[in-house]
Amino acid sequence: MIINVCFCDRYDPQLNKWTKVASMSTRRLGVGVAVLGGYLYAVGGSDGTSPLNTGKAIVWSFKI
């Protein structure tokens, strides 16, 4: 089963602990993620029906 989600957790390896961070505004499936300039970005993906519009490529960012 494949599901699309909008939540995000952050892992701290020093504490061996997961904590919740800000949710994405929309659910996404197959999202690419990257860190740049101290931010975690979620880009692209699908809503489960069709690919994300390229004009809305960045769907979420979080200061790490």
PDB file of N, CA and C in Angstrom:
ATOM      1  N   MET A   1       0.838  -1.172   0.000  1.00  0.00           N
ATOM      2  CA  MET A   1       0.000   0.000   0.000  1.00  0.00           C
ATOM      3  C   MET A   1       0.891   1.246   0.000  1.00  0.00           C
ATOM      4  N   ILE A   2       0.608   2.171  -0.882  1.00  0.00           N
ATOM      5  CA  ILE A   2       1.322   3.444  -0.948  1.00  0.00           C
ATOM      6  C   ILE A   2       0.367   4.542  -0.521  1.00  0.00           C
ATOM      7  N   ILE A   3       0.808   5.383   0.405  1.00  0.00           N
ATOM      8  CA  ILE A   3      -0.029   6.488   0.865  1.00  0.00           C
ATOM      9  C   ILE A   3       0.711   7.806   0.680  1.00  0.00           C
ATOM     10  N   ASN A   4      -0.027   8.869   0.525  1.00  0.00           N
ATOM     11  CA  ASN A   4       0.588  10.192   0.477  1.00  0.00           C
ATOM     12  C   ASN A   4       0.329  10.871   1.819  1.00  0.00           C
ATOM     13  N   VAL A   5       1.342  11.582   2.299  1.00  0.00           N
ATOM     14  CA  VAL A   5       1.274  12.160   3.644  1.00  0.00           C
ATOM     15  C   VAL A   5       1.672  13.632   3.623  1.00  0.00           C
ATOM     16  N   CYS A   6       1.314  14.337   4.705  1.00  0.00           N
ATOM     17  CA  CYS A   6       1.699  15.738   4.821  1.00  0.00           C
ATOM     18  C   CYS A   6       2.495  15.995   6.104  1.00  0.00           C
ATOM     19  N   PHE A   7       2.725  14.966   6.915  1.00  0.00           N
ATOM     20  CA  PHE A   7       3.445  15.170   8.169  1.00  0.00           C
ATOM     21  C   PHE A   7       4.949  14.993   7.981  1.00  0.00           C
ATOM     22  N   CYS A   8       5.692  15.458   8.938  1.00  0.00           N
ATOM     23  CA  CYS A   8       7.142  15.329   8.893  1.00  0.00           C
ATOM     24  C   CYS A   8       7.681  15.223  10.315  1.00  0.00           C
ATOM     25  N   ASP A   9       8.646  14.349  10.498  1.00  0.00           N
ATOM     26  CA  ASP A   9       9.339  14.195  11.776  1.00  0.00           C
ATOM     27  C   ASP A   9      10.823  14.437  11.557  1.00  0.00           C
ATOM     28  N   ARG A  10      11.497  14.913  12.596  1.00  0.00           N
ATOM     29  CA  ARG A  10      12.943  15.156  12.535  1.00  0.00           C
ATOM     30  C   ARG A  10      13.634  14.180  13.485  1.00  0.00           C
ATOM     31  N   TYR A  11      14.713  13.563  12.999  1.00  0.00           N
ATOM     32  CA  TYR A  11      15.467  12.624  13.820  1.00  0.00           C
ATOM     33  C   TYR A  11      16.736  13.285  14.342  1.00  0.00           C
ATOM     34  N   ASP A  12      16.988  13.164  15.633  1.00  0.00           N
ATOM     35  CA  ASP A  12      18.213  13.659  16.266  1.00  0.00           C
ATOM     36  C   ASP A  12      19.052  12.449  16.647  1.00  0.00           C
ATOM     37  N   PRO A  13      20.130  12.168  15.895  1.00  0.00           N
ATOM     38  CA  PRO A  13      20.935  10.977  16.178  1.00  0.00           C
ATOM     39  C   PRO A  13      21.648  11.035  17.521  1.00  0.00           C
ATOM     40  N   GLN A  14      21.934  12.225  18.033  1.00  0.00           N
ATOM     41  CA  GLN A  14      22.601  12.332  19.331  1.00  0.00           C
ATOM     42  C   GLN A  14      21.677  11.907  20.465  1.00  0.00           C
ATOM     43  N   LEU A  15      20.387  12.223  20.319  1.00  0.00           N
ATOM     44  CA  LEU A  15      19.399  11.838  21.336  1.00  0.00           C
ATOM     45  C   LEU A  15      18.677  10.539  20.992  1.00  0.00           C
ATOM     46  N   ASN A  16      18.889  10.050  19.752  1.00  0.00           N
ATOM     47  CA  ASN A  16      18.185   8.875  19.250  1.00  0.00           C
ATOM     48  C   ASN A  16      16.672   9.069  19.425  1.00  0.00           C
ATOM     49  N   LYS A  17      16.190  10.243  18.954  1.00  0.00           N
ATOM     50  CA  LYS A  17      14.799  10.621  19.186  1.00  0.00           C
ATOM     51  C   LYS A  17      14.201  11.301  17.951  1.00  0.00           C
ATOM     52  N   TRP A  18      12.926  10.990  17.662  1.00  0.00           N
ATOM     53  CA  TRP A  18      12.161  11.632  16.608  1.00  0.00           C
ATOM     54  C   TRP A  18      11.242  12.678  17.227  1.00  0.00           C
ATOM     55  N   THR A  19      11.129  13.852  16.587  1.00  0.00           N
ATOM     56  CA  THR A  19      10.195  14.878  17.028  1.00  0.00           C
ATOM     57  C   THR A  19       9.410  15.397  15.820  1.00  0.00           C
ATOM     58  N   LYS A  20       8.173  15.797  16.039  1.00  0.00           N
ATOM     59  CA  LYS A  20       7.342  16.337  14.965  1.00  0.00           C
ATOM     60  C   LYS A  20       7.772  17.762  14.638  1.00  0.00           C
ATOM     61  N   VAL A  21       7.725  18.105  13.353  1.00  0.00           N
ATOM     62  CA  VAL A  21       7.986  19.468  12.893  1.00  0.00           C
ATOM     63  C   VAL A  21       6.771  19.913  12.083  1.00  0.00           C
ATOM     64  N   ALA A  22       6.798  21.113  11.568  1.00  0.00           N
ATOM     65  CA  ALA A  22       5.669  21.667  10.810  1.00  0.00           C
ATOM     66  C   ALA A  22       5.266  20.755   9.653  1.00  0.00           C
ATOM     67  N   SER A  23       3.975  20.565   9.482  1.00  0.00           N
ATOM     68  CA  SER A  23       3.443  19.746   8.392  1.00  0.00           C
ATOM     69  C   SER A  23       3.499  20.502   7.075  1.00  0.00           C
ATOM     70  N   MET A  24       3.530  19.742   5.983  1.00  0.00           N
ATOM     71  CA  MET A  24       3.415  20.336   4.658  1.00  0.00           C
ATOM     72  C   MET A  24       1.977  20.797   4.469  1.00  0.00           C
ATOM     73  N   SER A  25       1.761  21.760   3.589  1.00  0.00           N
ATOM     74  CA  SER A  25       0.414  22.296   3.379  1.00  0.00           C
ATOM     75  C   SER A  25      -0.489  21.320   2.631  1.00  0.00           C
ATOM     76  N   THR A  26       0.095  20.430   1.840  1.00  0.00           N
ATOM     77  CA  THR A  26      -0.684  19.446   1.090  1.00  0.00           C
ATOM     78  C   THR A  26      -0.004  18.086   1.170  1.00  0.00           C
ATOM     79  N   ARG A  27      -0.794  17.039   1.045  1.00  0.00           N
ATOM     80  CA  ARG A  27      -0.237  15.686   1.047  1.00  0.00           C
ATOM     81  C   ARG A  27       0.527  15.446  -0.247  1.00  0.00           C
ATOM     82  N   ARG A  28       1.639  14.714  -0.148  1.00  0.00           N
ATOM     83  CA  ARG A  28       2.454  14.420  -1.319  1.00  0.00           C
ATOM     84  C   ARG A  28       2.933  12.982  -1.284  1.00  0.00           C
ATOM     85  N   LEU A  29       3.134  12.432  -2.476  1.00  0.00           N
ATOM     86  CA  LEU A  29       3.624  11.085  -2.688  1.00  0.00           C
ATOM     87  C   LEU A  29       4.842  11.185  -3.595  1.00  0.00           C
ATOM     88  N   GLY A  30       5.919  10.488  -3.283  1.00  0.00           N
ATOM     89  CA  GLY A  30       7.104  10.491  -4.130  1.00  0.00           C
ATOM     90  C   GLY A  30       7.832  11.817  -4.148  1.00  0.00           C
ATOM     91  N   VAL A  31       7.872  12.488  -3.034  1.00  0.00           N
ATOM     92  CA  VAL A  31       8.508  13.800  -2.926  1.00  0.00           C
ATOM     93  C   VAL A  31      10.023  13.655  -2.831  1.00  0.00           C
ATOM     94  N   GLY A  32      10.749  14.538  -3.502  1.00  0.00           N
ATOM     95  CA  GLY A  32      12.193  14.607  -3.344  1.00  0.00           C
ATOM     96  C   GLY A  32      12.517  15.572  -2.217  1.00  0.00           C
ATOM     97  N   VAL A  33      13.556  15.285  -1.447  1.00  0.00           N
ATOM     98  CA  VAL A  33      13.952  16.178  -0.359  1.00  0.00           C
ATOM     99  C   VAL A  33      15.433  16.495  -0.453  1.00  0.00           C
ATOM    100  N   ALA A  34      15.797  17.695   0.019  1.00  0.00           N
ATOM    101  CA  ALA A  34      17.192  18.124   0.014  1.00  0.00           C
ATOM    102  C   ALA A  34      17.395  19.178   1.092  1.00  0.00           C
ATOM    103  N   VAL A  35      18.644  19.305   1.548  1.00  0.00           N
ATOM    104  CA  VAL A  35      19.014  20.340   2.504  1.00  0.00           C
ATOM    105  C   VAL A  35      19.864  21.360   1.771  1.00  0.00           C
ATOM    106  N   LEU A  36      19.530  22.640   1.941  1.00  0.00           N
ATOM    107  CA  LEU A  36      20.285  23.717   1.323  1.00  0.00           C
ATOM    108  C   LEU A  36      20.200  24.938   2.220  1.00  0.00           C
ATOM    109  N   GLY A  37      21.326  25.481   2.615  1.00  0.00           N
ATOM    110  CA  GLY A  37      21.350  26.697   3.418  1.00  0.00           C
ATOM    111  C   GLY A  37      20.650  26.564   4.756  1.00  0.00           C
ATOM    112  N   GLY A  38      20.699  25.379   5.362  1.00  0.00           N
ATOM    113  CA  GLY A  38      20.075  25.179   6.658  1.00  0.00           C
ATOM    114  C   GLY A  38      18.580  24.909   6.616  1.00  0.00           C
ATOM    115  N   TYR A  39      18.023  24.717   5.415  1.00  0.00           N
ATOM    116  CA  TYR A  39      16.602  24.399   5.264  1.00  0.00           C
ATOM    117  C   TYR A  39      16.441  23.026   4.620  1.00  0.00           C
ATOM    118  N   LEU A  40      15.420  22.306   5.053  1.00  0.00           N
ATOM    119  CA  LEU A  40      15.028  21.056   4.425  1.00  0.00           C
ATOM    120  C   LEU A  40      13.881  21.381   3.473  1.00  0.00           C
ATOM    121  N   TYR A  41      14.037  21.045   2.198  1.00  0.00           N
ATOM    122  CA  TYR A  41      13.015  21.321   1.188  1.00  0.00           C
ATOM    123  C   TYR A  41      12.394  20.022   0.695  1.00  0.00           C
ATOM    124  N   ALA A  42      11.085  20.031   0.499  1.00  0.00           N
ATOM    125  CA  ALA A  42      10.362  18.944  -0.159  1.00  0.00           C
ATOM    126  C   ALA A  42       9.893  19.491  -1.501  1.00  0.00           C
ATOM    127  N   VAL A  43      10.246  18.805  -2.584  1.00  0.00           N
ATOM    128  CA  VAL A  43       9.934  19.306  -3.928  1.00  0.00           C
ATOM    129  C   VAL A  43       9.302  18.217  -4.783  1.00  0.00           C
ATOM    130  N   GLY A  44       8.468  18.653  -5.710  1.00  0.00           N
ATOM    131  CA  GLY A  44       7.887  17.740  -6.684  1.00  0.00           C
ATOM    132  C   GLY A  44       6.915  16.755  -6.078  1.00  0.00           C
ATOM    133  N   GLY A  45       6.819  15.601  -6.707  1.00  0.00           N
ATOM    134  CA  GLY A  45       5.936  14.553  -6.244  1.00  0.00           C
ATOM    135  C   GLY A  45       4.570  14.604  -6.909  1.00  0.00           C
ATOM    136  N   SER A  46       3.636  13.921  -6.282  1.00  0.00           N
ATOM    137  CA  SER A  46       2.294  13.766  -6.821  1.00  0.00           C
ATOM    138  C   SER A  46       1.284  13.870  -5.686  1.00  0.00           C
ATOM    139  N   ASP A  47       0.062  14.211  -6.040  1.00  0.00           N
ATOM    140  CA  ASP A  47      -1.003  14.210  -5.033  1.00  0.00           C
ATOM    141  C   ASP A  47      -1.680  12.846  -4.972  1.00  0.00           C
ATOM    142  N   GLY A  48      -1.137  11.869  -5.701  1.00  0.00           N
ATOM    143  CA  GLY A  48      -1.699  10.527  -5.756  1.00  0.00           C
ATOM    144  C   GLY A  48      -2.509  10.296  -7.010  1.00  0.00           C
ATOM    145  N   THR A  49      -2.854  11.394  -7.710  1.00  0.00           N
ATOM    146  CA  THR A  49      -3.621  11.309  -8.940  1.00  0.00           C
ATOM    147  C   THR A  49      -2.814  11.803 -10.134  1.00  0.00           C
ATOM    148  N   SER A  50      -2.109  12.919  -9.940  1.00  0.00           N
ATOM    149  CA  SER A  50      -1.334  13.508 -11.028  1.00  0.00           C
ATOM    150  C   SER A  50      -0.077  14.167 -10.465  1.00  0.00           C
ATOM    151  N   PRO A  51       0.951  14.349 -11.327  1.00  0.00           N
ATOM    152  CA  PRO A  51       2.184  14.996 -10.868  1.00  0.00           C
ATOM    153  C   PRO A  51       1.926  16.419 -10.394  1.00  0.00           C
ATOM    154  N   LEU A  52       2.772  16.887  -9.475  1.00  0.00           N
ATOM    155  CA  LEU A  52       2.680  18.253  -8.982  1.00  0.00           C
ATOM    156  C   LEU A  52       3.023  19.227 -10.096  1.00  0.00           C
ATOM    157  N   ASN A  53       2.237  20.279 -10.229  1.00  0.00           N
ATOM    158  CA  ASN A  53       2.487  21.332 -11.203  1.00  0.00           C
ATOM    159  C   ASN A  53       3.886  21.901 -10.975  1.00  0.00           C
ATOM    160  N   THR A  54       4.704  21.985 -12.020  1.00  0.00           N
ATOM    161  CA  THR A  54       6.075  22.472 -11.867  1.00  0.00           C
ATOM    162  C   THR A  54       6.134  23.906 -11.368  1.00  0.00           C
ATOM    163  N   GLY A  55       5.067  24.680 -11.548  1.00  0.00           N
ATOM    164  CA  GLY A  55       5.018  26.042 -11.019  1.00  0.00           C
ATOM    165  C   GLY A  55       4.906  26.064  -9.505  1.00  0.00           C
ATOM    166  N   LYS A  56       4.605  24.917  -8.918  1.00  0.00           N
ATOM    167  CA  LYS A  56       4.485  24.797  -7.468  1.00  0.00           C
ATOM    168  C   LYS A  56       5.467  23.734  -6.968  1.00  0.00           C
ATOM    169  N   ALA A  57       6.679  23.747  -7.494  1.00  0.00           N
ATOM    170  CA  ALA A  57       7.633  22.677  -7.215  1.00  0.00           C
ATOM    171  C   ALA A  57       8.016  22.560  -5.747  1.00  0.00           C
ATOM    172  N   ILE A  58       8.255  23.674  -5.059  1.00  0.00           N
ATOM    173  CA  ILE A  58       8.614  23.603  -3.655  1.00  0.00           C
ATOM    174  C   ILE A  58       7.318  23.625  -2.843  1.00  0.00           C
ATOM    175  N   VAL A  59       7.037  22.512  -2.171  1.00  0.00           N
ATOM    176  CA  VAL A  59       5.783  22.420  -1.431  1.00  0.00           C
ATOM    177  C   VAL A  59       5.968  22.620   0.049  1.00  0.00           C
ATOM    178  N   TRP A  60       7.217  22.621   0.516  1.00  0.00           N
ATOM    179  CA  TRP A  60       7.426  22.712   1.954  1.00  0.00           C
ATOM    180  C   TRP A  60       8.894  22.975   2.225  1.00  0.00           C
ATOM    181  N   SER A  61       9.190  23.805   3.243  1.00  0.00           N
ATOM    182  CA  SER A  61      10.564  23.984   3.703  1.00  0.00           C
ATOM    183  C   SER A  61      10.547  24.156   5.206  1.00  0.00           C
ATOM    184  N   PHE A  62      11.623  23.748   5.845  1.00  0.00           N
ATOM    185  CA  PHE A  62      11.716  23.785   7.299  1.00  0.00           C
ATOM    186  C   PHE A  62      13.137  24.141   7.689  1.00  0.00           C
ATOM    187  N   LYS A  63      13.324  25.145   8.542  1.00  0.00           N
ATOM    188  CA  LYS A  63      14.632  25.550   9.024  1.00  0.00           C
ATOM    189  C   LYS A  63      15.163  24.484   9.972  1.00  0.00           C
ATOM    190  N   ILE A  64      16.348  23.940   9.658  1.00  0.00           N
ATOM    191  CA  ILE A  64      16.926  22.899  10.527  1.00  0.00           C
ATOM    192  C   ILE A  64      18.097  23.437  11.319  1.00  0.00           C
TER     193      ILE A  64
END
